Amino acid sequence: MLLAEQLHWPIVDTWTITRRNLLRYVRLPRLLVFSSIQPVMFLLLFNYVFGGALGASTAAAGGQYINYLLPGILIQIVMFGGVQTGIGLAEDMGKGIIDRFRSLPMSRLAVIAGRTLADVLRNVVVVGILLIVGTLLGFHFQAGFGNALAMVGIAVLFGFTLSWVFACIGLAVRDTETAQLAGFLFIFPLVFASSVFVPVQTMPTWLQPFVKNQPITQVVNAARHFALGTPANGAVWKALLWCFVILAACMPIALWLYKRRTA
């Protein structure tokens, strides 16, 4: 009973902050519109620009590049969504909103957790839109409905995980521009040096050991396993392990940075 009472208010506070951030998307719908247009553009451009050249190298995905591409794009997009967590926290810091939260009798964890949860829910909407567009382009799940849900689940989990990484960045820097640049500088090398767009086997041999073992490749491979029924080769448990390790490392750091910035 005592534990339930101790957890009640942090949960209520987290939902209050989550609702506040979700209402912002309702009041500024262009934010959701543009965050939805970007992944659709990536999907269309990579499918039609590189699909002809890369179709043969992705024969394991049924010979259609869209089947290989879509799970990778989903992971890329939830990562881009995670960047918004850092930008949003840096913006709230700059406007003094975090200082107002600090003056209220609320959980410190709720401020960051509410932000990350709101961005996760937005990611779910974007993932849904991308799946609809991908289906129109010829993508189809080949491993059943349950595995399709598992693919969406692991993508959303990874997005939530990386939101805490970018929360650390947003709390460490002083402005939104720096938070955005730092976030994308972190993302781009990892995304392109992964299996998001092309098979690892097509890359230089000196680069392959890094690409095979970095977290994005493991999560993308797990997503493809659920979507297409390709061999997992341990990717699922490795992806989950990466998520656990990143969360275990970044949550305490984010809380420490929050306390330090609001002391």
Protein backbone atom coordinates (compact mmCIF):
# COMPACT_ATOMS: atom_id res chain seq x y z
CA MET A 1 0.00 0.00 0.00
CA LEU A 2 2.79 2.40 0.91
CA LEU A 3 4.61 1.62 -2.36
CA ALA A 4 1.43 2.26 -4.35
CA GLU A 5 1.04 5.65 -2.67
CA GLN A 6 4.67 6.51 -3.38
CA LEU A 7 4.26 5.64 -7.08
CA HIS A 8 0.89 7.35 -7.51
CA TRP A 9 2.03 10.97 -7.70
CA PRO A 10 5.09 10.40 -9.93
CA ILE A 11 2.81 8.56 -12.37
CA VAL A 12 0.22 11.34 -12.23
CA ASP A 13 2.94 13.98 -12.70
CA THR A 14 4.40 12.07 -15.65
CA TRP A 15 1.03 11.86 -17.35
CA THR A 16 0.44 15.59 -16.73
CA ILE A 17 3.70 16.49 -18.49
CA THR A 18 2.95 13.96 -21.25
CA ARG A 19 -0.48 15.52 -21.80
CA ARG A 20 1.05 19.00 -21.86
CA ASN A 21 3.45 17.99 -24.64
CA LEU A 22 0.76 16.15 -26.61
CA LEU A 23 -1.51 19.20 -26.45
CA ARG A 24 1.31 21.19 -28.00
CA TYR A 25 1.12 18.97 -31.08
CA VAL A 26 -2.65 19.53 -31.19
CA ARG A 27 -2.25 23.28 -30.96
CA LEU A 28 0.65 23.29 -33.46
CA PRO A 29 -0.40 20.58 -35.93
CA ARG A 30 2.31 21.62 -38.37
CA LEU A 31 4.83 19.95 -36.04
CA LEU A 32 3.12 16.58 -36.50
CA VAL A 33 2.57 17.19 -40.23
CA PHE A 34 6.23 17.94 -40.94
CA SER A 35 7.46 15.11 -38.71
CA SER A 36 5.24 12.79 -40.79
CA ILE A 37 6.28 14.17 -44.18
CA GLN A 38 9.99 13.62 -43.55
CA PRO A 39 9.84 9.80 -43.20
CA VAL A 40 7.53 9.52 -46.22
CA MET A 41 10.05 11.51 -48.27
CA PHE A 42 12.90 9.25 -47.10
CA LEU A 43 10.90 6.17 -48.03
CA LEU A 44 9.94 7.46 -51.49
CA LEU A 45 13.39 8.77 -52.35
CA PHE A 46 15.38 5.73 -51.23
CA ASN A 47 12.90 3.30 -52.73
CA TYR A 48 12.76 4.89 -56.17
CA VAL A 49 16.31 6.27 -56.37
CA PHE A 50 18.20 3.26 -54.98
CA GLY A 51 15.66 0.47 -55.35
CA GLY A 52 16.71 -0.50 -58.86
CA ALA A 53 20.40 -0.69 -58.00
CA LEU A 54 19.96 -2.44 -54.66
CA GLY A 55 17.09 -4.82 -55.43
CA ALA A 56 19.42 -7.68 -56.36
CA SER A 57 21.45 -7.38 -53.15
CA THR A 58 18.27 -7.60 -51.05
CA ALA A 59 16.84 -10.72 -52.67
CA ALA A 60 16.34 -12.23 -49.19
CA ALA A 61 13.55 -9.69 -48.74
CA GLY A 62 11.58 -11.17 -51.61
CA GLY A 63 13.52 -9.30 -54.28
CA GLN A 64 11.73 -6.04 -53.52
CA TYR A 65 13.80 -3.27 -52.04
CA ILE A 66 10.75 -1.76 -50.30
CA ASN A 67 10.47 -4.89 -48.12
CA TYR A 68 14.10 -4.56 -47.08
CA LEU A 69 13.96 -0.78 -46.75
CA LEU A 70 10.84 -0.14 -44.68
CA PRO A 71 11.95 -1.77 -41.38
CA GLY A 72 15.20 0.19 -41.58
CA ILE A 73 13.41 3.46 -42.29
CA LEU A 74 11.13 2.85 -39.30
CA ILE A 75 14.14 2.62 -37.01
CA GLN A 76 15.72 5.68 -38.57
CA ILE A 77 12.54 7.70 -38.09
CA VAL A 78 12.05 6.82 -34.43
CA MET A 79 15.65 7.94 -33.93
CA PHE A 80 14.87 11.28 -35.56
CA GLY A 81 11.82 11.48 -33.31
CA GLY A 82 14.09 10.97 -30.32
CA VAL A 83 16.06 14.06 -31.31
CA GLN A 84 12.92 16.09 -30.65
CA THR A 85 13.15 15.12 -26.99
CA GLY A 86 16.49 16.88 -26.67
CA ILE A 87 15.31 19.89 -28.65
CA GLY A 88 12.13 20.17 -26.58
CA LEU A 89 13.97 20.01 -23.26
CA ALA A 90 16.54 22.57 -24.41
CA GLU A 91 13.69 24.84 -25.52
CA ASP A 92 11.87 24.49 -22.20
CA MET A 93 15.13 25.24 -20.40
CA GLY A 94 15.72 28.35 -22.47
CA LYS A 95 12.18 29.65 -21.92
CA GLY A 96 12.31 29.06 -18.18
CA ILE A 97 9.49 26.51 -18.24
CA ILE A 98 11.64 23.93 -16.45
CA ASP A 99 12.21 26.47 -13.67
CA ARG A 100 8.44 26.74 -13.25
CA PHE A 101 8.16 22.97 -13.04
CA ARG A 102 10.91 22.97 -10.40
CA SER A 103 8.90 25.35 -8.25
CA LEU A 104 5.98 22.90 -8.19
CA PRO A 105 5.71 19.92 -5.81
CA MET A 106 6.23 17.37 -8.56
CA SER A 107 8.59 14.50 -9.32
CA ARG A 108 11.78 15.49 -11.11
CA LEU A 109 11.64 12.25 -13.09
CA ALA A 110 8.19 13.24 -14.39
CA VAL A 111 9.54 16.20 -16.38
CA ILE A 112 11.87 14.04 -18.47
CA ALA A 113 9.71 10.91 -18.50
CA GLY A 114 6.67 12.92 -19.61
CA ARG A 115 8.64 14.43 -22.46
CA THR A 116 9.97 11.06 -23.65
CA LEU A 117 6.55 9.40 -23.37
CA ALA A 118 4.91 12.13 -25.44
CA ASP A 119 7.55 11.71 -28.14
CA VAL A 120 7.01 7.93 -28.08
CA LEU A 121 3.27 8.40 -28.66
CA ARG A 122 4.02 10.76 -31.53
CA ASN A 123 6.39 8.14 -32.95
CA VAL A 124 3.55 5.61 -32.92
CA VAL A 125 1.48 7.93 -35.13
CA VAL A 126 4.37 8.49 -37.54
CA VAL A 127 5.13 4.75 -37.70
CA GLY A 128 1.47 4.09 -38.55
CA ILE A 129 1.55 6.63 -41.39
CA LEU A 130 4.79 5.16 -42.73
CA LEU A 131 3.35 1.63 -42.70
CA ILE A 132 0.32 2.80 -44.68
CA VAL A 133 2.51 4.50 -47.30
CA GLY A 134 4.85 1.49 -47.41
CA THR A 135 1.89 -0.81 -48.03
CA LEU A 136 0.79 1.37 -50.94
CA LEU A 137 4.33 1.06 -52.36
CA GLY A 138 4.21 -2.75 -52.20
CA PHE A 139 5.49 -3.59 -48.73
CA HIS A 140 3.82 -6.48 -46.95
CA PHE A 141 4.50 -8.38 -43.75
CA GLN A 142 5.66 -11.92 -44.40
CA ALA A 143 5.77 -13.30 -40.85
CA GLY A 144 2.24 -12.84 -39.52
CA PHE A 145 0.29 -10.27 -37.54
CA GLY A 146 1.93 -11.06 -34.19
CA ASN A 147 5.40 -10.49 -35.61
CA ALA A 148 4.19 -7.28 -37.25
CA LEU A 149 3.20 -5.97 -33.82
CA ALA A 150 6.56 -7.10 -32.45
CA MET A 151 8.34 -5.10 -35.18
CA VAL A 152 6.40 -1.96 -34.27
CA GLY A 153 7.03 -2.65 -30.60
CA ILE A 154 10.79 -2.95 -30.92
CA ALA A 155 10.90 0.19 -33.07
CA VAL A 156 8.93 2.19 -30.49
CA LEU A 157 11.04 0.78 -27.65
CA PHE A 158 14.24 1.84 -29.42
CA GLY A 159 12.79 5.30 -30.01
CA PHE A 160 11.97 5.59 -26.30
CA THR A 161 15.49 4.41 -25.45
CA LEU A 162 17.16 6.98 -27.67
CA SER A 163 14.88 9.72 -26.34
CA TRP A 164 16.81 9.40 -23.09
CA VAL A 165 20.10 9.74 -24.97
CA PHE A 166 18.90 12.95 -26.58
CA ALA A 167 17.41 14.11 -23.27
CA CYS A 168 20.96 14.04 -21.92
CA ILE A 169 22.13 16.09 -24.89
CA GLY A 170 19.26 18.60 -24.57
CA LEU A 171 19.91 19.08 -20.86
CA ALA A 172 23.67 19.42 -21.37
CA VAL A 173 23.55 22.17 -24.03
CA ARG A 174 22.17 25.68 -23.73
CA ASP A 175 20.00 26.16 -26.82
CA THR A 176 17.80 24.31 -29.31
CA GLU A 177 20.11 24.83 -32.28
CA THR A 178 23.01 23.13 -30.52
CA ALA A 179 20.72 20.33 -29.33
CA GLN A 180 19.55 19.72 -32.89
CA LEU A 181 23.04 19.77 -34.38
CA ALA A 182 24.48 17.55 -31.67
CA GLY A 183 21.61 15.09 -32.08
CA PHE A 184 21.99 14.76 -35.83
CA LEU A 185 25.79 14.56 -35.61
CA PHE A 186 25.25 11.59 -33.31
CA ILE A 187 22.65 9.97 -35.58
CA PHE A 188 23.98 10.28 -39.12
CA PRO A 189 27.23 8.27 -38.83
CA LEU A 190 25.44 5.47 -36.97
CA VAL A 191 22.50 5.36 -39.38
CA PHE A 192 24.52 5.24 -42.58
CA ALA A 193 27.12 2.88 -41.10
CA SER A 194 24.39 0.33 -40.37
CA SER A 195 22.10 -2.08 -42.18
CA VAL A 196 19.29 0.47 -42.52
CA PHE A 197 19.70 0.95 -46.29
CA VAL A 198 22.05 -1.77 -47.53
CA PRO A 199 23.26 -5.22 -46.39
CA VAL A 200 26.37 -5.17 -44.23
CA GLN A 201 28.09 -7.56 -46.66
CA THR A 202 28.25 -4.83 -49.31
CA MET A 203 30.42 -2.60 -47.11
CA PRO A 204 34.25 -2.59 -46.85
CA THR A 205 35.58 -5.49 -44.79
CA TRP A 206 37.34 -3.16 -42.32
CA LEU A 207 34.01 -1.46 -41.54
CA GLN A 208 31.84 -4.57 -41.21
CA PRO A 209 32.79 -5.59 -37.62
CA PHE A 210 31.66 -2.20 -36.31
CA VAL A 211 28.51 -2.13 -38.43
CA LYS A 212 27.47 -5.66 -37.44
CA ASN A 213 27.71 -5.01 -33.71
CA GLN A 214 26.45 -1.48 -33.28
CA PRO A 215 22.94 -1.08 -31.77
CA ILE A 216 21.15 0.33 -34.81
CA THR A 217 22.09 -2.66 -36.96
CA GLN A 218 20.93 -5.07 -34.27
CA VAL A 219 17.57 -3.30 -33.89
CA VAL A 220 17.07 -3.07 -37.67
CA ASN A 221 17.90 -6.76 -38.09
CA ALA A 222 15.44 -7.63 -35.33
CA ALA A 223 12.77 -5.51 -37.04
CA ARG A 224 13.40 -7.25 -40.36
CA HIS A 225 13.21 -10.62 -38.66
CA PHE A 226 9.73 -9.78 -37.35
CA ALA A 227 8.59 -8.20 -40.62
CA LEU A 228 10.01 -10.66 -43.17
CA GLY A 229 10.78 -13.82 -41.25
CA THR A 230 14.51 -13.58 -42.00
CA PRO A 231 16.90 -15.38 -39.61
CA ALA A 232 17.31 -13.44 -36.38
CA ASN A 233 20.87 -14.65 -35.67
CA GLY A 234 20.55 -13.35 -32.13
CA ALA A 235 19.49 -9.85 -33.24
CA VAL A 236 16.35 -9.75 -31.08
CA TRP A 237 18.01 -10.38 -27.73
CA LYS A 238 20.99 -8.22 -28.71
CA ALA A 239 18.64 -5.36 -29.60
CA LEU A 240 16.80 -5.71 -26.29
CA LEU A 241 20.12 -5.84 -24.45
CA TRP A 242 21.29 -2.65 -26.15
CA CYS A 243 18.02 -0.92 -25.15
CA PHE A 244 18.44 -2.03 -21.54
CA VAL A 245 22.09 -0.93 -21.37
CA ILE A 246 21.39 2.49 -22.94
CA LEU A 247 18.43 3.13 -20.64
CA ALA A 248 20.38 2.02 -17.56
CA ALA A 249 23.19 4.42 -18.49
CA CYS A 250 21.22 7.44 -19.70
CA MET A 251 18.35 7.65 -17.23
CA PRO A 252 20.60 8.42 -14.22
CA ILE A 253 22.69 10.81 -16.31
CA ALA A 254 19.59 12.68 -17.50
CA LEU A 255 18.30 12.99 -13.94
CA TRP A 256 21.69 14.21 -12.73
CA LEU A 257 21.86 16.81 -15.51
CA TYR A 258 18.32 17.93 -14.72
CA LYS A 259 19.16 18.38 -11.03
CA ARG A 260 22.37 20.19 -11.96
CA ARG A 261 20.64 22.57 -14.38
CA THR A 262 17.79 23.33 -11.98
CA ALA A 263 19.78 23.56 -8.75
